[in-house]
Amino acid sequence: MSAKKILMITGDYAEDYETMVPFQTLLAVGHQVDAVCPDKKAGDTVATAIHDFEGDQTYSEKRGHNFALNADFATARAENYDALVIPGGRAPEYLRLNEDVIRLVRDFHDAKKPIAAVCHGAQLLAAADIIRDRKVSAYPACAPEVKLGGGTYADIAIDDACIDGNLVTAPAWPAHPKWMAAFLKVLGTEINL
């Protein structure tokens, strides 16, 4: 297996697990992951939020960790990477307002590179207009955005994942094992134990 170079676009109040776990998982199997955020540079941090399912009508939110960025958004170009990861949480709701972020997501899509998005990451996919006629999973509250973006909402178990070509999506962090396994498969990563 050759190591892949992967870009992760994140921001303040991205979901903690959905940022930390994919970042560390991809590093653990030998890939390079550059974590970036608009208007921040390598060495800066983003605040994360921990979302939990505690029996309420929606998830609860608590302050998470400070996640250290290791690359600069200003220099990130799709042609320098093999794949893209978009964590969920609250970050996608405002990242989708940034035209440079939208352009970067579209560039990955246009190059047919693997894109992994979880939870509210679908908000960014829909805003970039790349899910038309695609099957996409997301947190259930994002189903209307998937549908309005022309996609088919994959109503799957919270711990499952959906693959549609180069697009790998999941509803929320309980899906990490299946979501990461599916993304590694799309990346062509082989793990021999």
N, C-alpha and C. Protein backbone atom coordinates (compact mmCIF):
# COMPACT_ATOMS: atom_id res chain seq x y z
N MET A 1 0.85 -1.18 0.00
CA MET A 1 0.00 0.00 0.00
C MET A 1 0.89 1.24 0.00
N SER A 2 0.59 2.16 -0.88
CA SER A 2 1.30 3.43 -0.82
C SER A 2 0.50 4.39 0.04
N ALA A 3 1.22 5.17 0.84
CA ALA A 3 0.56 6.12 1.73
C ALA A 3 -0.16 7.18 0.90
N LYS A 4 -1.32 7.57 1.35
CA LYS A 4 -2.09 8.62 0.70
C LYS A 4 -1.92 9.92 1.46
N LYS A 5 -2.09 11.02 0.75
CA LYS A 5 -2.07 12.34 1.37
C LYS A 5 -3.52 12.83 1.40
N ILE A 6 -4.03 13.05 2.59
CA ILE A 6 -5.46 13.34 2.79
C ILE A 6 -5.63 14.71 3.43
N LEU A 7 -6.58 15.48 2.93
CA LEU A 7 -6.91 16.77 3.51
C LEU A 7 -8.15 16.64 4.37
N MET A 8 -8.12 17.24 5.55
CA MET A 8 -9.30 17.32 6.42
C MET A 8 -9.63 18.80 6.59
N ILE A 9 -10.86 19.16 6.22
CA ILE A 9 -11.32 20.54 6.43
C ILE A 9 -12.19 20.54 7.68
N THR A 10 -11.79 21.32 8.67
CA THR A 10 -12.53 21.38 9.93
C THR A 10 -12.66 22.83 10.36
N GLY A 11 -13.27 23.04 11.51
CA GLY A 11 -13.45 24.39 12.03
C GLY A 11 -13.90 24.34 13.47
N ASP A 12 -13.99 25.51 14.07
CA ASP A 12 -14.42 25.58 15.47
C ASP A 12 -15.77 24.90 15.66
N TYR A 13 -15.84 24.14 16.70
CA TYR A 13 -17.02 23.37 17.11
C TYR A 13 -17.40 22.27 16.13
N ALA A 14 -16.41 21.78 15.41
CA ALA A 14 -16.59 20.50 14.73
C ALA A 14 -16.78 19.46 15.82
N GLU A 15 -17.43 18.37 15.50
CA GLU A 15 -17.65 17.33 16.50
C GLU A 15 -16.30 16.70 16.86
N ASP A 16 -16.04 16.58 18.15
CA ASP A 16 -14.75 16.11 18.66
C ASP A 16 -14.37 14.74 18.11
N TYR A 17 -15.21 13.74 18.31
CA TYR A 17 -14.90 12.39 17.84
C TYR A 17 -14.77 12.35 16.32
N GLU A 18 -15.61 13.11 15.64
CA GLU A 18 -15.62 13.08 14.18
C GLU A 18 -14.42 13.79 13.57
N THR A 19 -13.69 14.50 14.41
CA THR A 19 -12.45 15.14 13.98
C THR A 19 -11.26 14.30 14.41
N MET A 20 -11.19 14.00 15.70
CA MET A 20 -10.04 13.28 16.27
C MET A 20 -9.92 11.85 15.75
N VAL A 21 -11.00 11.10 15.74
CA VAL A 21 -10.92 9.67 15.40
C VAL A 21 -10.48 9.44 13.95
N PRO A 22 -11.09 10.10 12.95
CA PRO A 22 -10.61 9.86 11.59
C PRO A 22 -9.16 10.34 11.40
N PHE A 23 -8.83 11.47 12.01
CA PHE A 23 -7.46 11.99 11.90
C PHE A 23 -6.47 10.95 12.42
N GLN A 24 -6.72 10.43 13.61
CA GLN A 24 -5.79 9.47 14.21
C GLN A 24 -5.84 8.11 13.50
N THR A 25 -7.01 7.68 13.08
CA THR A 25 -7.13 6.40 12.37
C THR A 25 -6.33 6.41 11.08
N LEU A 26 -6.48 7.47 10.31
CA LEU A 26 -5.79 7.55 9.03
C LEU A 26 -4.27 7.65 9.22
N LEU A 27 -3.85 8.36 10.27
CA LEU A 27 -2.42 8.40 10.58
C LEU A 27 -1.91 7.02 11.00
N ALA A 28 -2.71 6.31 11.79
CA ALA A 28 -2.29 5.01 12.32
C ALA A 28 -2.04 3.98 11.23
N VAL A 29 -2.74 4.09 10.12
CA VAL A 29 -2.54 3.12 9.03
C VAL A 29 -1.50 3.59 8.03
N GLY A 30 -0.87 4.73 8.30
CA GLY A 30 0.25 5.18 7.49
C GLY A 30 -0.01 6.30 6.51
N HIS A 31 -1.22 6.87 6.52
CA HIS A 31 -1.51 7.98 5.62
C HIS A 31 -1.07 9.30 6.25
N GLN A 32 -0.86 10.30 5.42
CA GLN A 32 -0.59 11.65 5.89
C GLN A 32 -1.91 12.40 5.90
N VAL A 33 -2.20 13.10 6.98
CA VAL A 33 -3.44 13.87 7.05
C VAL A 33 -3.09 15.31 7.39
N ASP A 34 -3.49 16.23 6.52
CA ASP A 34 -3.32 17.65 6.78
C ASP A 34 -4.67 18.21 7.23
N ALA A 35 -4.73 18.67 8.47
CA ALA A 35 -5.96 19.25 9.02
C ALA A 35 -5.88 20.77 8.89
N VAL A 36 -6.88 21.35 8.22
CA VAL A 36 -6.87 22.79 7.96
C VAL A 36 -8.21 23.42 8.34
N CYS A 37 -8.16 24.74 8.52
CA CYS A 37 -9.36 25.53 8.81
C CYS A 37 -9.16 26.91 8.17
N PRO A 38 -10.17 27.43 7.50
CA PRO A 38 -10.04 28.77 6.93
C PRO A 38 -9.64 29.80 8.00
N ASP A 39 -8.79 30.73 7.62
CA ASP A 39 -8.33 31.82 8.48
C ASP A 39 -7.48 31.36 9.65
N LYS A 40 -7.00 30.10 9.60
CA LYS A 40 -6.09 29.60 10.62
C LYS A 40 -4.91 28.93 9.92
N LYS A 41 -3.82 28.79 10.67
CA LYS A 41 -2.62 28.20 10.09
C LYS A 41 -2.13 27.05 10.95
N ALA A 42 -1.14 26.32 10.46
CA ALA A 42 -0.56 25.21 11.21
C ALA A 42 -0.12 25.71 12.58
N GLY A 43 -0.45 24.93 13.60
CA GLY A 43 -0.13 25.30 14.98
C GLY A 43 -1.29 25.94 15.71
N ASP A 44 -2.24 26.53 14.97
CA ASP A 44 -3.45 27.06 15.59
C ASP A 44 -4.34 25.88 15.98
N THR A 45 -5.35 26.14 16.78
CA THR A 45 -6.28 25.09 17.17
C THR A 45 -7.71 25.48 16.82
N VAL A 46 -8.56 24.45 16.75
CA VAL A 46 -10.00 24.67 16.67
C VAL A 46 -10.61 24.05 17.93
N ALA A 47 -11.62 24.70 18.45
CA ALA A 47 -12.36 24.15 19.58
C ALA A 47 -13.31 23.10 19.04
N THR A 48 -13.41 21.97 19.73
CA THR A 48 -14.36 20.95 19.30
C THR A 48 -15.53 20.88 20.27
N ALA A 49 -16.58 20.20 19.83
CA ALA A 49 -17.76 19.98 20.66
C ALA A 49 -18.03 18.48 20.72
N ILE A 50 -18.46 18.01 21.86
CA ILE A 50 -18.82 16.61 22.03
C ILE A 50 -20.33 16.50 21.97
N HIS A 51 -20.81 15.75 21.00
CA HIS A 51 -22.25 15.53 20.85
C HIS A 51 -22.56 14.12 21.34
N ASP A 52 -23.58 14.01 22.15
CA ASP A 52 -23.92 12.72 22.72
C ASP A 52 -25.42 12.47 22.58
N PHE A 53 -25.77 11.22 22.60
CA PHE A 53 -27.16 10.79 22.47
C PHE A 53 -27.62 10.31 23.84
N GLU A 54 -28.41 11.14 24.54
CA GLU A 54 -28.75 10.88 25.93
C GLU A 54 -30.25 10.74 26.15
N GLY A 55 -31.00 10.45 25.08
CA GLY A 55 -32.43 10.23 25.23
C GLY A 55 -33.29 11.46 25.00
N ASP A 56 -32.66 12.59 24.68
CA ASP A 56 -33.43 13.80 24.40
C ASP A 56 -33.89 13.79 22.94
N GLN A 57 -34.63 14.80 22.54
CA GLN A 57 -35.13 14.85 21.18
C GLN A 57 -34.01 15.08 20.16
N THR A 58 -32.90 15.60 20.60
CA THR A 58 -31.72 15.76 19.75
C THR A 58 -30.49 15.49 20.61
N TYR A 59 -29.33 15.54 20.00
CA TYR A 59 -28.09 15.28 20.74
C TYR A 59 -27.81 16.43 21.70
N SER A 60 -27.05 16.14 22.74
CA SER A 60 -26.58 17.19 23.64
C SER A 60 -25.20 17.65 23.17
N GLU A 61 -24.79 18.83 23.62
CA GLU A 61 -23.49 19.36 23.20
C GLU A 61 -22.71 19.86 24.41
N LYS A 62 -21.45 19.44 24.45
CA LYS A 62 -20.53 19.88 25.51
C LYS A 62 -19.23 20.31 24.86
N ARG A 63 -18.48 21.17 25.52
CA ARG A 63 -17.18 21.61 25.00
C ARG A 63 -16.24 20.42 24.97
N GLY A 64 -15.53 20.28 23.86
CA GLY A 64 -14.59 19.18 23.69
C GLY A 64 -13.17 19.62 23.95
N HIS A 65 -12.28 19.24 23.06
CA HIS A 65 -10.85 19.51 23.19
C HIS A 65 -10.44 20.63 22.25
N ASN A 66 -9.19 21.04 22.36
CA ASN A 66 -8.58 21.89 21.35
C ASN A 66 -7.85 20.96 20.40
N PHE A 67 -8.23 21.01 19.13
CA PHE A 67 -7.63 20.16 18.11
C PHE A 67 -6.61 20.98 17.34
N ALA A 68 -5.36 20.52 17.32
CA ALA A 68 -4.29 21.26 16.66
C ALA A 68 -4.29 21.04 15.15
N LEU A 69 -4.29 22.12 14.42
CA LEU A 69 -4.18 22.07 12.97
C LEU A 69 -2.71 21.87 12.61
N ASN A 70 -2.44 21.15 11.53
CA ASN A 70 -1.05 20.89 11.16
C ASN A 70 -0.70 21.38 9.76
N ALA A 71 -1.60 22.14 9.14
CA ALA A 71 -1.34 22.68 7.80
C ALA A 71 -2.14 23.97 7.64
N ASP A 72 -1.83 24.71 6.58
CA ASP A 72 -2.48 25.99 6.32
C ASP A 72 -3.56 25.85 5.27
N PHE A 73 -4.76 26.32 5.56
CA PHE A 73 -5.85 26.28 4.59
C PHE A 73 -5.49 27.07 3.34
N ALA A 74 -4.83 28.20 3.51
CA ALA A 74 -4.52 29.10 2.39
C ALA A 74 -3.72 28.42 1.28
N THR A 75 -2.96 27.39 1.61
CA THR A 75 -2.13 26.73 0.60
C THR A 75 -2.70 25.37 0.17
N ALA A 76 -3.84 24.98 0.70
CA ALA A 76 -4.42 23.67 0.37
C ALA A 76 -5.02 23.70 -1.04
N ARG A 77 -4.60 22.73 -1.85
CA ARG A 77 -5.10 22.57 -3.22
C ARG A 77 -5.45 21.11 -3.44
N ALA A 78 -6.58 20.84 -4.05
CA ALA A 78 -7.03 19.46 -4.27
C ALA A 78 -5.99 18.66 -5.04
N GLU A 79 -5.29 19.27 -5.97
CA GLU A 79 -4.32 18.53 -6.79
C GLU A 79 -3.15 17.99 -5.97
N ASN A 80 -2.97 18.50 -4.75
CA ASN A 80 -1.88 18.03 -3.89
C ASN A 80 -2.30 16.90 -2.95
N TYR A 81 -3.55 16.45 -3.06
CA TYR A 81 -4.08 15.45 -2.14
C TYR A 81 -4.75 14.32 -2.91
N ASP A 82 -4.86 13.18 -2.22
CA ASP A 82 -5.52 12.00 -2.78
C ASP A 82 -6.98 11.90 -2.37
N ALA A 83 -7.36 12.56 -1.27
CA ALA A 83 -8.71 12.40 -0.73
C ALA A 83 -9.03 13.55 0.22
N LEU A 84 -10.31 13.64 0.60
CA LEU A 84 -10.82 14.69 1.47
C LEU A 84 -11.67 14.07 2.58
N VAL A 85 -11.54 14.60 3.80
CA VAL A 85 -12.38 14.21 4.93
C VAL A 85 -13.06 15.45 5.48
N ILE A 86 -14.38 15.33 5.72
CA ILE A 86 -15.17 16.44 6.28
C ILE A 86 -15.86 15.95 7.55
N PRO A 87 -15.37 16.36 8.73
CA PRO A 87 -16.05 16.02 9.98
C PRO A 87 -17.37 16.78 10.10
N GLY A 88 -18.22 16.28 10.98
CA GLY A 88 -19.49 16.94 11.23
C GLY A 88 -19.40 17.91 12.39
N GLY A 89 -20.51 18.06 13.08
CA GLY A 89 -20.59 19.05 14.15
C GLY A 89 -21.13 20.36 13.62
N ARG A 90 -20.85 21.43 14.33
CA ARG A 90 -21.39 22.73 13.91
C ARG A 90 -20.54 23.42 12.87
N ALA A 91 -19.29 23.02 12.69
CA ALA A 91 -18.42 23.70 11.73
C ALA A 91 -18.98 23.73 10.31
N PRO A 92 -19.52 22.62 9.78
CA PRO A 92 -20.00 22.67 8.39
C PRO A 92 -21.07 23.73 8.13
N GLU A 93 -21.86 24.08 9.15
CA GLU A 93 -22.94 25.04 8.92
C GLU A 93 -22.39 26.42 8.55
N TYR A 94 -21.21 26.79 9.06
CA TYR A 94 -20.65 28.08 8.66
C TYR A 94 -19.54 27.93 7.63
N LEU A 95 -18.86 26.79 7.59
CA LEU A 95 -17.84 26.58 6.55
C LEU A 95 -18.46 26.64 5.16
N ARG A 96 -19.73 26.22 5.05
CA ARG A 96 -20.40 26.22 3.74
C ARG A 96 -20.65 27.63 3.22
N LEU A 97 -20.45 28.63 4.05
CA LEU A 97 -20.60 30.02 3.62
C LEU A 97 -19.31 30.58 3.02
N ASN A 98 -18.23 29.82 3.10
CA ASN A 98 -16.92 30.27 2.63
C ASN A 98 -16.70 29.76 1.20
N GLU A 99 -16.63 30.65 0.24
CA GLU A 99 -16.51 30.27 -1.17
C GLU A 99 -15.22 29.50 -1.45
N ASP A 100 -14.15 29.78 -0.71
CA ASP A 100 -12.90 29.03 -0.90
C ASP A 100 -13.06 27.58 -0.46
N VAL A 101 -13.81 27.36 0.60
CA VAL A 101 -14.09 25.99 1.06
C VAL A 101 -14.93 25.27 0.00
N ILE A 102 -15.98 25.93 -0.47
CA ILE A 102 -16.86 25.33 -1.48
C ILE A 102 -16.07 24.97 -2.73
N ARG A 103 -15.22 25.87 -3.18
CA ARG A 103 -14.40 25.63 -4.38
C ARG A 103 -13.48 24.43 -4.17
N LEU A 104 -12.89 24.33 -2.99
CA LEU A 104 -11.98 23.22 -2.69
C LEU A 104 -12.73 21.88 -2.69
N VAL A 105 -13.90 21.84 -2.07
CA VAL A 105 -14.71 20.62 -2.06
C VAL A 105 -15.09 20.23 -3.50
N ARG A 106 -15.48 21.21 -4.29
CA ARG A 106 -15.83 20.94 -5.70
C ARG A 106 -14.63 20.41 -6.48
N ASP A 107 -13.45 20.96 -6.18
CA ASP A 107 -12.24 20.50 -6.88
C ASP A 107 -11.97 19.02 -6.61
N PHE A 108 -12.15 18.58 -5.37
CA PHE A 108 -12.00 17.16 -5.06
C PHE A 108 -13.03 16.34 -5.82
N HIS A 109 -14.26 16.82 -5.81
CA HIS A 109 -15.34 16.12 -6.52
C HIS A 109 -15.06 16.03 -8.02
N ASP A 110 -14.69 17.16 -8.62
CA ASP A 110 -14.45 17.19 -10.06
C ASP A 110 -13.31 16.27 -10.47
N ALA A 111 -12.33 16.09 -9.56
CA ALA A 111 -11.20 15.20 -9.83
C ALA A 111 -11.54 13.75 -9.49
N LYS A 112 -12.76 13.51 -9.04
CA LYS A 112 -13.25 12.17 -8.68
C LYS A 112 -12.39 11.51 -7.59
N LYS A 113 -11.91 12.33 -6.67
CA LYS A 113 -11.12 11.82 -5.55
C LYS A 113 -12.06 11.39 -4.42
N PRO A 114 -11.65 10.41 -3.62
CA PRO A 114 -12.49 9.98 -2.50
C PRO A 114 -12.79 11.13 -1.54
N ILE A 115 -14.05 11.20 -1.11
CA ILE A 115 -14.51 12.19 -0.15
C ILE A 115 -15.27 11.45 0.94
N ALA A 116 -14.85 11.63 2.19
CA ALA A 116 -15.55 11.06 3.34
C ALA A 116 -16.18 12.20 4.13
N ALA A 117 -17.46 12.08 4.42
CA ALA A 117 -18.15 13.09 5.22
C ALA A 117 -19.04 12.37 6.22
N VAL A 118 -19.12 12.92 7.41
CA VAL A 118 -19.93 12.31 8.47
C VAL A 118 -20.85 13.37 9.07
N CYS A 119 -22.02 12.94 9.48
CA CYS A 119 -22.95 13.76 10.23
C CYS A 119 -23.34 15.03 9.46
N HIS A 120 -23.06 16.20 10.04
CA HIS A 120 -23.40 17.47 9.40
C HIS A 120 -22.45 17.84 8.27
N GLY A 121 -21.46 17.00 7.99
CA GLY A 121 -20.59 17.22 6.84
C GLY A 121 -21.38 17.27 5.55
N ALA A 122 -22.54 16.64 5.53
CA ALA A 122 -23.41 16.66 4.35
C ALA A 122 -23.86 18.07 4.01
N GLN A 123 -23.90 18.97 5.00
CA GLN A 123 -24.26 20.36 4.72
C GLN A 123 -23.26 20.97 3.75
N LEU A 124 -22.00 20.63 3.93
CA LEU A 124 -20.96 21.15 3.05
C LEU A 124 -21.04 20.52 1.67
N LEU A 125 -21.34 19.22 1.61
CA LEU A 125 -21.50 18.54 0.33
C LEU A 125 -22.67 19.14 -0.46
N ALA A 126 -23.78 19.40 0.22
CA ALA A 126 -24.95 19.97 -0.44
C ALA A 126 -24.67 21.38 -0.91
N ALA A 127 -24.01 22.18 -0.09
CA ALA A 127 -23.70 23.56 -0.47
C ALA A 127 -22.75 23.61 -1.67
N ALA A 128 -21.88 22.61 -1.78
CA ALA A 128 -20.96 22.54 -2.91
C ALA A 128 -21.64 21.99 -4.16
N ASP A 129 -22.90 21.58 -4.03
CA ASP A 129 -23.70 21.05 -5.14
C ASP A 129 -23.02 19.85 -5.81
N ILE A 130 -22.61 18.89 -4.96
CA ILE A 130 -21.94 17.70 -5.51
C ILE A 130 -22.69 16.40 -5.19
N ILE A 131 -23.91 16.51 -4.66
CA ILE A 131 -24.61 15.28 -4.28
C ILE A 131 -25.82 14.98 -5.15
N ARG A 132 -26.00 15.76 -6.19
CA ARG A 132 -27.13 15.53 -7.09
C ARG A 132 -27.07 14.11 -7.63
N ASP A 133 -28.17 13.38 -7.49
CA ASP A 133 -28.29 11.99 -7.97
C ASP A 133 -27.33 11.04 -7.26
N ARG A 134 -26.91 11.38 -6.04
CA ARG A 134 -26.03 10.52 -5.26
C ARG A 134 -26.77 10.07 -4.00
N LYS A 135 -26.40 8.92 -3.48
CA LYS A 135 -26.96 8.42 -2.22
C LYS A 135 -26.03 8.87 -1.11
N VAL A 136 -26.56 9.61 -0.14
CA VAL A 136 -25.76 10.25 0.90
C VAL A 136 -26.40 10.02 2.27
N SER A 137 -25.56 9.60 3.22
CA SER A 137 -26.01 9.52 4.61
C SER A 137 -25.57 10.78 5.32
N ALA A 138 -26.24 11.07 6.41
CA ALA A 138 -25.95 12.25 7.23
C ALA A 138 -26.73 12.11 8.53
N TYR A 139 -26.47 13.01 9.45
CA TYR A 139 -27.31 13.05 10.64
C TYR A 139 -28.75 13.30 10.17
N PRO A 140 -29.73 12.62 10.74
CA PRO A 140 -31.11 12.74 10.23
C PRO A 140 -31.61 14.17 10.08
N ALA A 141 -31.16 15.09 10.92
CA ALA A 141 -31.60 16.48 10.81
C ALA A 141 -31.10 17.14 9.52
N CYS A 142 -30.14 16.52 8.85
CA CYS A 142 -29.61 17.05 7.59
C CYS A 142 -30.26 16.40 6.37
N ALA A 143 -31.19 15.48 6.59
CA ALA A 143 -31.87 14.82 5.47
C ALA A 143 -32.53 15.82 4.53
N PRO A 144 -33.20 16.88 5.03
CA PRO A 144 -33.80 17.84 4.09
C PRO A 144 -32.76 18.51 3.19
N GLU A 145 -31.58 18.79 3.73
CA GLU A 145 -30.55 19.43 2.91
C GLU A 145 -30.02 18.47 1.84
N VAL A 146 -29.89 17.19 2.20
CA VAL A 146 -29.47 16.20 1.21
C VAL A 146 -30.49 16.16 0.07
N LYS A 147 -31.77 16.10 0.44
CA LYS A 147 -32.82 16.03 -0.58
C LYS A 147 -32.90 17.30 -1.41
N LEU A 148 -32.79 18.47 -0.76
CA LEU A 148 -32.82 19.74 -1.50
C LEU A 148 -31.60 19.89 -2.40
N GLY A 149 -30.49 19.22 -2.05
CA GLY A 149 -29.30 19.23 -2.87
C GLY A 149 -29.37 18.25 -4.03
N GLY A 150 -30.51 17.56 -4.16
CA GLY A 150 -30.70 16.64 -5.27
C GLY A 150 -30.23 15.23 -4.99
N GLY A 151 -29.82 14.97 -3.74
CA GLY A 151 -29.36 13.65 -3.37
C GLY A 151 -30.47 12.78 -2.84
N THR A 152 -30.19 11.50 -2.70
CA THR A 152 -31.10 10.57 -2.06
C THR A 152 -30.56 10.33 -0.67
N TYR A 153 -31.36 10.62 0.35
CA TYR A 153 -30.92 10.46 1.73
C TYR A 153 -30.90 8.97 2.08
N ALA A 154 -29.74 8.50 2.50
CA ALA A 154 -29.59 7.10 2.92
C ALA A 154 -29.96 7.02 4.40
N ASP A 155 -31.16 6.55 4.67
CA ASP A 155 -31.66 6.42 6.04
C ASP A 155 -31.18 5.09 6.60
N ILE A 156 -29.96 5.10 7.14
CA ILE A 156 -29.32 3.88 7.63
C ILE A 156 -29.13 3.96 9.14
N ALA A 157 -28.76 2.85 9.73
CA ALA A 157 -28.51 2.82 11.18
C ALA A 157 -27.42 3.82 11.53
N ILE A 158 -27.48 4.35 12.74
CA ILE A 158 -26.53 5.37 13.20
C ILE A 158 -25.09 4.86 13.20
N ASP A 159 -24.91 3.54 13.18
CA ASP A 159 -23.56 2.96 13.20
C ASP A 159 -23.18 2.34 11.85
N ASP A 160 -23.84 2.77 10.79
CA ASP A 160 -23.57 2.21 9.47
C ASP A 160 -22.97 3.29 8.56
N ALA A 161 -22.55 2.91 7.37
CA ALA A 161 -21.95 3.83 6.40
C ALA A 161 -22.52 3.56 5.03
N CYS A 162 -22.39 4.53 4.16
CA CYS A 162 -22.91 4.46 2.80
C CYS A 162 -21.79 4.79 1.82
N ILE A 163 -21.63 3.96 0.80
CA ILE A 163 -20.67 4.23 -0.26
C ILE A 163 -21.44 4.45 -1.55
N ASP A 164 -21.16 5.56 -2.22
CA ASP A 164 -21.70 5.82 -3.56
C ASP A 164 -20.52 6.31 -4.40
N GLY A 165 -19.89 5.39 -5.09
CA GLY A 165 -18.71 5.74 -5.89
C GLY A 165 -17.58 6.23 -5.00
N ASN A 166 -17.13 7.46 -5.22
CA ASN A 166 -16.03 8.02 -4.44
C ASN A 166 -16.50 8.68 -3.15
N LEU A 167 -17.80 8.69 -2.90
CA LEU A 167 -18.37 9.36 -1.74
C LEU A 167 -18.68 8.35 -0.63
N VAL A 168 -18.11 8.59 0.56
CA VAL A 168 -18.33 7.71 1.71
C VAL A 168 -18.92 8.56 2.82
N THR A 169 -20.15 8.25 3.24
CA THR A 169 -20.83 9.08 4.23
C THR A 169 -21.39 8.21 5.35
N ALA A 170 -21.65 8.87 6.48
CA ALA A 170 -22.19 8.18 7.65
C ALA A 170 -23.01 9.16 8.48
N PRO A 171 -23.95 8.62 9.30
CA PRO A 171 -24.85 9.49 10.06
C PRO A 171 -24.20 10.22 11.24
N ALA A 172 -23.26 9.58 11.93
CA ALA A 172 -22.67 10.20 13.13
C ALA A 172 -21.52 9.33 13.63
N TRP A 173 -20.87 9.79 14.70
CA TRP A 173 -19.66 9.12 15.18
C TRP A 173 -19.84 7.65 15.57
N PRO A 174 -21.02 7.15 15.96
CA PRO A 174 -21.09 5.72 16.22
C PRO A 174 -20.76 4.86 14.99
N ALA A 175 -20.77 5.47 13.82
CA ALA A 175 -20.47 4.75 12.58
C ALA A 175 -18.97 4.67 12.27
N HIS A 176 -18.12 5.24 13.11
CA HIS A 176 -16.69 5.28 12.79
C HIS A 176 -16.11 3.96 12.29
N PRO A 177 -16.34 2.82 12.95
CA PRO A 177 -15.73 1.59 12.44
C PRO A 177 -16.11 1.29 10.99
N LYS A 178 -17.39 1.38 10.66
CA LYS A 178 -17.82 1.09 9.29
C LYS A 178 -17.46 2.21 8.32
N TRP A 179 -17.56 3.46 8.77
CA TRP A 179 -17.25 4.61 7.92
C TRP A 179 -15.77 4.62 7.55
N MET A 180 -14.92 4.45 8.54
CA MET A 180 -13.48 4.44 8.26
C MET A 180 -13.08 3.22 7.44
N ALA A 181 -13.67 2.05 7.72
CA ALA A 181 -13.37 0.85 6.94
C ALA A 181 -13.77 1.06 5.47
N ALA A 182 -14.95 1.67 5.26
CA ALA A 182 -15.40 1.93 3.89
C ALA A 182 -14.50 2.94 3.19
N PHE A 183 -14.10 3.97 3.91
CA PHE A 183 -13.21 4.98 3.32
C PHE A 183 -11.85 4.38 2.97
N LEU A 184 -11.32 3.55 3.87
CA LEU A 184 -10.04 2.89 3.59
C LEU A 184 -10.15 2.00 2.36
N LYS A 185 -11.30 1.33 2.20
CA LYS A 185 -11.52 0.48 1.03
C LYS A 185 -11.51 1.33 -0.25
N VAL A 186 -12.23 2.45 -0.23
CA VAL A 186 -12.28 3.33 -1.39
C VAL A 186 -10.88 3.90 -1.69
N LEU A 187 -10.10 4.15 -0.64
CA LEU A 187 -8.73 4.65 -0.81
C LEU A 187 -7.78 3.59 -1.37
N GLY A 188 -8.20 2.31 -1.26
CA GLY A 188 -7.33 1.22 -1.70
C GLY A 188 -6.34 0.80 -0.63
N THR A 189 -6.64 1.15 0.62
CA THR A 189 -5.76 0.81 1.73
C THR A 189 -5.97 -0.66 2.12
N GLU A 190 -4.88 -1.41 2.18
CA GLU A 190 -4.93 -2.80 2.64
C GLU A 190 -4.19 -2.90 3.96
N ILE A 191 -4.85 -3.50 4.94
CA ILE A 191 -4.23 -3.70 6.25
C ILE A 191 -4.04 -5.19 6.44
N ASN A 192 -2.81 -5.59 6.65
CA ASN A 192 -2.48 -6.99 6.87
C ASN A 192 -2.03 -7.18 8.31
N LEU A 193 -2.77 -7.97 9.04
CA LEU A 193 -2.44 -8.21 10.45
C LEU A 193 -1.72 -9.53 10.62
